[in-house]
Amino acid sequence: DGGAHEVEHDAEGNVTTSRDVWVNRGIALSIG
C-alpha cells in the first residue's frame, strides 16, 4: 500500500544502495 517500513542502513545511518545496484544488475543478467 505504499507505506514505508524498516530499511537497511550502513554504519553512518545512510540507506545502503551499492548492493541494490548489483542486485538490479544480477536480476537484469538473469532475465537476459
PDB file of all heavy atoms in Angstrom:
ATOM      1  N   ASP A   1       0.808  -1.216   0.000  1.00  0.00           N
ATOM      2  CA  ASP A   1       0.000   0.000   0.000  1.00  0.00           C
ATOM      3  C   ASP A   1       0.843   1.267   0.000  1.00  0.00           C
ATOM      4  O   ASP A   1       0.332   2.373   0.151  1.00  0.00           O
ATOM      5  CB  ASP A   1      -0.945   0.015   1.209  1.00  0.00           C
ATOM      6  CG  ASP A   1      -0.184  -0.043   2.535  1.00  0.00           C
ATOM      7  OD1 ASP A   1       1.067  -0.046   2.505  1.00  0.00           O
ATOM      8  OD2 ASP A   1      -0.851  -0.082   3.578  1.00  0.00           O
ATOM      9  N   GLY A   2       2.141   1.121  -0.175  1.00  0.00           N
ATOM     10  CA  GLY A   2       2.997   2.289  -0.287  1.00  0.00           C
ATOM     11  C   GLY A   2       3.560   2.767   1.030  1.00  0.00           C
ATOM     12  O   GLY A   2       4.307   3.741   1.068  1.00  0.00           O
ATOM     13  N   GLY A   3       3.275   2.076   2.139  1.00  0.00           N
ATOM     14  CA  GLY A   3       3.799   2.503   3.421  1.00  0.00           C
ATOM     15  C   GLY A   3       5.251   2.132   3.603  1.00  0.00           C
ATOM     16  O   GLY A   3       5.700   1.087   3.153  1.00  0.00           O
ATOM     17  N   ALA A   4       6.012   2.987   4.248  1.00  0.00           N
ATOM     18  CA  ALA A   4       7.438   2.726   4.431  1.00  0.00           C
ATOM     19  C   ALA A   4       7.656   1.799   5.608  1.00  0.00           C
ATOM     20  O   ALA A   4       6.963   1.864   6.608  1.00  0.00           O
ATOM     21  CB  ALA A   4       8.182   4.039   4.641  1.00  0.00           C
ATOM     22  N   HIS A   5       8.647   0.928   5.487  1.00  0.00           N
ATOM     23  CA  HIS A   5       9.000   0.012   6.561  1.00  0.00           C
ATOM     24  C   HIS A   5      10.484   0.150   6.872  1.00  0.00           C
ATOM     25  O   HIS A   5      11.189   0.983   6.311  1.00  0.00           O
ATOM     26  CB  HIS A   5       8.664  -1.434   6.156  1.00  0.00           C
ATOM     27  CG  HIS A   5       7.185  -1.697   6.123  1.00  0.00           C
ATOM     28  ND1 HIS A   5       6.447  -1.950   7.246  1.00  0.00           N
ATOM     29  CD2 HIS A   5       6.316  -1.718   5.086  1.00  0.00           C
ATOM     30  CE1 HIS A   5       5.184  -2.147   6.921  1.00  0.00           C
ATOM     31  NE2 HIS A   5       5.078  -1.999   5.609  1.00  0.00           N
ATOM     32  N   GLU A   6      10.968  -0.692   7.764  1.00  0.00           N
ATOM     33  CA  GLU A   6      12.365  -0.628   8.169  1.00  0.00           C
ATOM     34  C   GLU A   6      13.272  -0.978   7.000  1.00  0.00           C
ATOM     35  O   GLU A   6      13.019  -1.924   6.259  1.00  0.00           O
ATOM     36  CB  GLU A   6      12.613  -1.637   9.304  1.00  0.00           C
ATOM     37  CG  GLU A   6      13.990  -1.494   9.941  1.00  0.00           C
ATOM     38  CD  GLU A   6      14.136  -0.224  10.745  1.00  0.00           C
ATOM     39  OE1 GLU A   6      13.117   0.319  11.168  1.00  0.00           O
ATOM     40  OE2 GLU A   6      15.282   0.209  10.935  1.00  0.00           O
ATOM     41  N   VAL A   7      14.296  -0.189   6.776  1.00  0.00           N
ATOM     42  CA  VAL A   7      15.244  -0.444   5.708  1.00  0.00           C
ATOM     43  C   VAL A   7      16.625  -0.600   6.287  1.00  0.00           C
ATOM     44  O   VAL A   7      16.889  -0.219   7.420  1.00  0.00           O
ATOM     45  CB  VAL A   7      15.232   0.702   4.658  1.00  0.00           C
ATOM     46  CG1 VAL A   7      13.883   0.813   4.011  1.00  0.00           C
ATOM     47  CG2 VAL A   7      15.610   2.024   5.311  1.00  0.00           C
ATOM     48  N   GLU A   8      17.558  -1.153   5.517  1.00  0.00           N
ATOM     49  CA  GLU A   8      18.918  -1.357   5.973  1.00  0.00           C
ATOM     50  C   GLU A   8      19.708  -0.053   5.901  1.00  0.00           C
ATOM     51  O   GLU A   8      19.526   0.748   4.993  1.00  0.00           O
ATOM     52  CB  GLU A   8      19.587  -2.424   5.106  1.00  0.00           C
ATOM     53  CG  GLU A   8      18.906  -3.788   5.210  1.00  0.00           C
ATOM     54  CD  GLU A   8      19.594  -4.807   4.329  1.00  0.00           C
ATOM     55  OE1 GLU A   8      20.705  -4.512   3.851  1.00  0.00           O
ATOM     56  OE2 GLU A   8      19.028  -5.892   4.133  1.00  0.00           O
ATOM     57  N   HIS A   9      20.602   0.143   6.879  1.00  0.00           N
ATOM     58  CA  HIS A   9      21.439   1.334   6.907  1.00  0.00           C
ATOM     59  C   HIS A   9      22.894   0.919   7.122  1.00  0.00           C
ATOM     60  O   HIS A   9      23.178  -0.154   7.663  1.00  0.00           O
ATOM     61  CB  HIS A   9      21.009   2.279   8.043  1.00  0.00           C
ATOM     62  CG  HIS A   9      19.639   2.849   7.854  1.00  0.00           C
ATOM     63  ND1 HIS A   9      18.498   2.135   8.105  1.00  0.00           N
ATOM     64  CD2 HIS A   9      19.234   4.085   7.439  1.00  0.00           C
ATOM     65  CE1 HIS A   9      17.427   2.885   7.868  1.00  0.00           C
ATOM     66  NE2 HIS A   9      17.855   4.070   7.458  1.00  0.00           N
ATOM     67  N   ASP A  10      23.793   1.779   6.659  1.00  0.00           N
ATOM     68  CA  ASP A  10      25.200   1.499   6.891  1.00  0.00           C
ATOM     69  C   ASP A  10      25.624   2.053   8.244  1.00  0.00           C
ATOM     70  O   ASP A  10      24.785   2.497   9.035  1.00  0.00           O
ATOM     71  CB  ASP A  10      26.057   2.074   5.757  1.00  0.00           C
ATOM     72  CG  ASP A  10      25.881   3.585   5.618  1.00  0.00           C
ATOM     73  OD1 ASP A  10      25.430   4.226   6.590  1.00  0.00           O
ATOM     74  OD2 ASP A  10      26.196   4.127   4.541  1.00  0.00           O
ATOM     75  N   ALA A  11      26.937   2.028   8.517  1.00  0.00           N
ATOM     76  CA  ALA A  11      27.428   2.449   9.833  1.00  0.00           C
ATOM     77  C   ALA A  11      27.138   3.914  10.133  1.00  0.00           C
ATOM     78  O   ALA A  11      27.028   4.305  11.290  1.00  0.00           O
ATOM     79  CB  ALA A  11      28.946   2.191   9.917  1.00  0.00           C
ATOM     80  N   GLU A  12      26.977   4.718   9.081  1.00  0.00           N
ATOM     81  CA  GLU A  12      26.713   6.140   9.290  1.00  0.00           C
ATOM     82  C   GLU A  12      25.230   6.469   9.253  1.00  0.00           C
ATOM     83  O   GLU A  12      24.848   7.634   9.295  1.00  0.00           O
ATOM     84  CB  GLU A  12      27.451   6.941   8.206  1.00  0.00           C
ATOM     85  CG  GLU A  12      28.970   6.773   8.262  1.00  0.00           C
ATOM     86  CD  GLU A  12      29.642   7.537   7.143  1.00  0.00           C
ATOM     87  OE1 GLU A  12      28.913   8.112   6.300  1.00  0.00           O
ATOM     88  OE2 GLU A  12      30.886   7.573   7.113  1.00  0.00           O
ATOM     89  N   GLY A  13      24.403   5.460   9.171  1.00  0.00           N
ATOM     90  CA  GLY A  13      22.973   5.684   9.194  1.00  0.00           C
ATOM     91  C   GLY A  13      22.349   5.945   7.832  1.00  0.00           C
ATOM     92  O   GLY A  13      21.175   6.270   7.739  1.00  0.00           O
ATOM     93  N   ASN A  14      23.101   5.793   6.743  1.00  0.00           N
ATOM     94  CA  ASN A  14      22.571   6.025   5.409  1.00  0.00           C
ATOM     95  C   ASN A  14      21.995   4.733   4.832  1.00  0.00           C
ATOM     96  O   ASN A  14      22.492   3.642   5.108  1.00  0.00           O
ATOM     97  CB  ASN A  14      23.673   6.544   4.469  1.00  0.00           C
ATOM     98  CG  ASN A  14      24.262   7.850   4.967  1.00  0.00           C
ATOM     99  OD1 ASN A  14      23.526   8.743   5.385  1.00  0.00           O
ATOM    100  ND2 ASN A  14      25.593   7.959   4.919  1.00  0.00           N
ATOM    101  N   VAL A  15      20.950   4.900   4.031  1.00  0.00           N
ATOM    102  CA  VAL A  15      20.372   3.733   3.371  1.00  0.00           C
ATOM    103  C   VAL A  15      21.381   3.185   2.373  1.00  0.00           C
ATOM    104  O   VAL A  15      21.939   3.918   1.566  1.00  0.00           O
ATOM    105  CB  VAL A  15      19.063   4.108   2.644  1.00  0.00           C
ATOM    106  CG1 VAL A  15      18.503   2.894   1.903  1.00  0.00           C
ATOM    107  CG2 VAL A  15      18.051   4.633   3.655  1.00  0.00           C
ATOM    108  N   THR A  16      21.626   1.893   2.424  1.00  0.00           N
ATOM    109  CA  THR A  16      22.611   1.302   1.527  1.00  0.00           C
ATOM    110  C   THR A  16      22.033   1.193   0.117  1.00  0.00           C
ATOM    111  O   THR A  16      20.881   0.837  -0.062  1.00  0.00           O
ATOM    112  CB  THR A  16      23.020  -0.091   2.008  1.00  0.00           C
ATOM    113  OG1 THR A  16      21.840  -0.907   2.122  1.00  0.00           O
ATOM    114  CG2 THR A  16      23.703  -0.021   3.354  1.00  0.00           C
ATOM    115  N   THR A  17      22.834   1.495  -0.884  1.00  0.00           N
ATOM    116  CA  THR A  17      22.365   1.469  -2.264  1.00  0.00           C
ATOM    117  C   THR A  17      23.288   0.684  -3.188  1.00  0.00           C
ATOM    118  O   THR A  17      22.845   0.183  -4.204  1.00  0.00           O
ATOM    119  CB  THR A  17      22.242   2.896  -2.822  1.00  0.00           C
ATOM    120  OG1 THR A  17      23.507   3.543  -2.703  1.00  0.00           O
ATOM    121  CG2 THR A  17      21.189   3.684  -2.042  1.00  0.00           C
ATOM    122  N   SER A  18      24.587   0.580  -2.875  1.00  0.00           N
ATOM    123  CA  SER A  18      25.520  -0.084  -3.779  1.00  0.00           C
ATOM    124  C   SER A  18      25.146  -1.543  -3.991  1.00  0.00           C
ATOM    125  O   SER A  18      25.211  -2.061  -5.112  1.00  0.00           O
ATOM    126  CB  SER A  18      26.949   0.016  -3.246  1.00  0.00           C
ATOM    127  OG  SER A  18      27.045  -0.582  -1.959  1.00  0.00           O
ATOM    128  N   ARG A  19      24.715  -2.197  -2.913  1.00  0.00           N
ATOM    129  CA  ARG A  19      24.319  -3.593  -3.062  1.00  0.00           C
ATOM    130  C   ARG A  19      23.071  -3.702  -3.930  1.00  0.00           C
ATOM    131  O   ARG A  19      22.925  -4.639  -4.720  1.00  0.00           O
ATOM    132  CB  ARG A  19      24.056  -4.216  -1.692  1.00  0.00           C
ATOM    133  CG  ARG A  19      23.887  -5.743  -1.772  1.00  0.00           C
ATOM    134  CD  ARG A  19      23.598  -6.353  -0.432  1.00  0.00           C
ATOM    135  NE  ARG A  19      22.270  -5.992   0.047  1.00  0.00           N
ATOM    136  CZ  ARG A  19      21.759  -6.425   1.200  1.00  0.00           C
ATOM    137  NH1 ARG A  19      22.492  -7.173   1.989  1.00  0.00           N
ATOM    138  NH2 ARG A  19      20.545  -6.078   1.566  1.00  0.00           N
ATOM    139  N   ASP A  20      22.158  -2.716  -3.783  1.00  0.00           N
ATOM    140  CA  ASP A  20      20.952  -2.734  -4.593  1.00  0.00           C
ATOM    141  C   ASP A  20      21.264  -2.614  -6.078  1.00  0.00           C
ATOM    142  O   ASP A  20      20.596  -3.212  -6.924  1.00  0.00           O
ATOM    143  CB  ASP A  20      20.015  -1.590  -4.180  1.00  0.00           C
ATOM    144  CG  ASP A  20      19.506  -1.753  -2.763  1.00  0.00           C
ATOM    145  OD1 ASP A  20      19.595  -2.878  -2.237  1.00  0.00           O
ATOM    146  OD2 ASP A  20      19.026  -0.767  -2.185  1.00  0.00           O
ATOM    147  N   VAL A  21      22.283  -1.831  -6.417  1.00  0.00           N
ATOM    148  CA  VAL A  21      22.690  -1.692  -7.813  1.00  0.00           C
ATOM    149  C   VAL A  21      23.127  -3.040  -8.366  1.00  0.00           C
ATOM    150  O   VAL A  21      22.743  -3.442  -9.479  1.00  0.00           O
ATOM    151  CB  VAL A  21      23.827  -0.661  -7.948  1.00  0.00           C
ATOM    152  CG1 VAL A  21      24.382  -0.676  -9.379  1.00  0.00           C
ATOM    153  CG2 VAL A  21      23.331   0.736  -7.589  1.00  0.00           C
ATOM    154  N   TRP A  22      23.929  -3.763  -7.589  1.00  0.00           N
ATOM    155  CA  TRP A  22      24.400  -5.066  -8.045  1.00  0.00           C
ATOM    156  C   TRP A  22      23.284  -6.094  -8.060  1.00  0.00           C
ATOM    157  O   TRP A  22      23.275  -6.989  -8.916  1.00  0.00           O
ATOM    158  CB  TRP A  22      25.562  -5.539  -7.180  1.00  0.00           C
ATOM    159  CG  TRP A  22      26.831  -4.835  -7.535  1.00  0.00           C
ATOM    160  CD1 TRP A  22      27.427  -3.804  -6.866  1.00  0.00           C
ATOM    161  CD2 TRP A  22      27.642  -5.078  -8.680  1.00  0.00           C
ATOM    162  NE1 TRP A  22      28.558  -3.401  -7.518  1.00  0.00           N
ATOM    163  CE2 TRP A  22      28.719  -4.158  -8.634  1.00  0.00           C
ATOM    164  CE3 TRP A  22      27.560  -5.981  -9.746  1.00  0.00           C
ATOM    165  CZ2 TRP A  22      29.703  -4.122  -9.622  1.00  0.00           C
ATOM    166  CZ3 TRP A  22      28.550  -5.949 -10.726  1.00  0.00           C
ATOM    167  CH2 TRP A  22      29.605  -5.027 -10.651  1.00  0.00           C
ATOM    168  N   VAL A  23      22.337  -5.969  -7.128  1.00  0.00           N
ATOM    169  CA  VAL A  23      21.172  -6.855  -7.169  1.00  0.00           C
ATOM    170  C   VAL A  23      20.377  -6.603  -8.449  1.00  0.00           C
ATOM    171  O   VAL A  23      19.962  -7.548  -9.144  1.00  0.00           O
ATOM    172  CB  VAL A  23      20.277  -6.631  -5.932  1.00  0.00           C
ATOM    173  CG1 VAL A  23      18.927  -7.320  -6.124  1.00  0.00           C
ATOM    174  CG2 VAL A  23      20.956  -7.160  -4.682  1.00  0.00           C
ATOM    175  N   ASN A  24      20.189  -5.318  -8.791  1.00  0.00           N
ATOM    176  CA  ASN A  24      19.469  -4.973 -10.021  1.00  0.00           C
ATOM    177  C   ASN A  24      20.204  -5.511 -11.238  1.00  0.00           C
ATOM    178  O   ASN A  24      19.597  -6.036 -12.176  1.00  0.00           O
ATOM    179  CB  ASN A  24      19.318  -3.450 -10.118  1.00  0.00           C
ATOM    180  CG  ASN A  24      18.148  -3.053 -10.994  1.00  0.00           C
ATOM    181  OD1 ASN A  24      17.679  -3.839 -11.809  1.00  0.00           O
ATOM    182  ND2 ASN A  24      17.679  -1.834 -10.835  1.00  0.00           N
ATOM    183  N   ARG A  25      21.524  -5.397 -11.229  1.00  0.00           N
ATOM    184  CA  ARG A  25      22.306  -5.931 -12.342  1.00  0.00           C
ATOM    185  C   ARG A  25      22.192  -7.451 -12.427  1.00  0.00           C
ATOM    186  O   ARG A  25      22.116  -8.028 -13.516  1.00  0.00           O
ATOM    187  CB  ARG A  25      23.772  -5.535 -12.189  1.00  0.00           C
ATOM    188  CG  ARG A  25      24.042  -4.061 -12.479  1.00  0.00           C
ATOM    189  CD  ARG A  25      25.498  -3.716 -12.274  1.00  0.00           C
ATOM    190  NE  ARG A  25      25.793  -2.356 -12.696  1.00  0.00           N
ATOM    191  CZ  ARG A  25      26.983  -1.774 -12.580  1.00  0.00           C
ATOM    192  NH1 ARG A  25      27.991  -2.454 -12.026  1.00  0.00           N
ATOM    193  NH2 ARG A  25      27.174  -0.544 -13.002  1.00  0.00           N
ATOM    194  N   GLY A  26      22.200  -8.096 -11.266  1.00  0.00           N
ATOM    195  CA  GLY A  26      22.052  -9.549 -11.250  1.00  0.00           C
ATOM    196  C   GLY A  26      20.702  -9.987 -11.794  1.00  0.00           C
ATOM    197  O   GLY A  26      20.607 -10.984 -12.524  1.00  0.00           O
ATOM    198  N   ILE A  27      19.657  -9.228 -11.453  1.00  0.00           N
ATOM    199  CA  ILE A  27      18.318  -9.533 -11.982  1.00  0.00           C
ATOM    200  C   ILE A  27      18.308  -9.350 -13.490  1.00  0.00           C
ATOM    201  O   ILE A  27      17.755 -10.177 -14.230  1.00  0.00           O
ATOM    202  CB  ILE A  27      17.264  -8.636 -11.308  1.00  0.00           C
ATOM    203  CG1 ILE A  27      17.162  -8.970  -9.815  1.00  0.00           C
ATOM    204  CG2 ILE A  27      15.903  -8.806 -11.978  1.00  0.00           C
ATOM    205  CD1 ILE A  27      16.287  -8.006  -9.032  1.00  0.00           C
ATOM    206  N   ALA A  28      18.920  -8.241 -13.971  1.00  0.00           N
ATOM    207  CA  ALA A  28      18.988  -7.999 -15.413  1.00  0.00           C
ATOM    208  C   ALA A  28      19.738  -9.123 -16.123  1.00  0.00           C
ATOM    209  O   ALA A  28      19.343  -9.571 -17.211  1.00  0.00           O
ATOM    210  CB  ALA A  28      19.662  -6.654 -15.684  1.00  0.00           C
ATOM    211  N   LEU A  29      20.823  -9.599 -15.513  1.00  0.00           N
ATOM    212  CA  LEU A  29      21.595 -10.698 -16.090  1.00  0.00           C
ATOM    213  C   LEU A  29      20.752 -11.962 -16.187  1.00  0.00           C
ATOM    214  O   LEU A  29      20.747 -12.648 -17.217  1.00  0.00           O
ATOM    215  CB  LEU A  29      22.840 -10.947 -15.247  1.00  0.00           C
ATOM    216  CG  LEU A  29      23.735 -12.115 -15.674  1.00  0.00           C
ATOM    217  CD1 LEU A  29      24.303 -11.876 -17.070  1.00  0.00           C
ATOM    218  CD2 LEU A  29      24.863 -12.321 -14.659  1.00  0.00           C
ATOM    219  N   SER A  30      20.022 -12.269 -15.113  1.00  0.00           N
ATOM    220  CA  SER A  30      19.185 -13.478 -15.099  1.00  0.00           C
ATOM    221  C   SER A  30      18.089 -13.397 -16.155  1.00  0.00           C
ATOM    222  O   SER A  30      17.829 -14.379 -16.880  1.00  0.00           O
ATOM    223  CB  SER A  30      18.563 -13.659 -13.711  1.00  0.00           C
ATOM    224  OG  SER A  30      19.561 -13.761 -12.710  1.00  0.00           O
ATOM    225  N   ILE A  31      17.433 -12.234 -16.252  1.00  0.00           N
ATOM    226  CA  ILE A  31      16.379 -12.056 -17.254  1.00  0.00           C
ATOM    227  C   ILE A  31      16.965 -12.150 -18.653  1.00  0.00           C
ATOM    228  O   ILE A  31      16.358 -12.735 -19.565  1.00  0.00           O
ATOM    229  CB  ILE A  31      15.664 -10.712 -17.042  1.00  0.00           C
ATOM    230  CG1 ILE A  31      14.873 -10.744 -15.725  1.00  0.00           C
ATOM    231  CG2 ILE A  31      14.733 -10.386 -18.208  1.00  0.00           C
ATOM    232  CD1 ILE A  31      14.244  -9.420 -15.351  1.00  0.00           C
ATOM    233  N   GLY A  32      18.156 -11.577 -18.848  1.00  0.00           N
ATOM    234  CA  GLY A  32      18.795 -11.640 -20.157  1.00  0.00           C
ATOM    235  C   GLY A  32      19.097 -13.069 -20.577  1.00  0.00           C
ATOM    236  O   GLY A  32      18.863 -13.458 -21.733  1.00  0.00           O
TER     237      GLY A  32
END
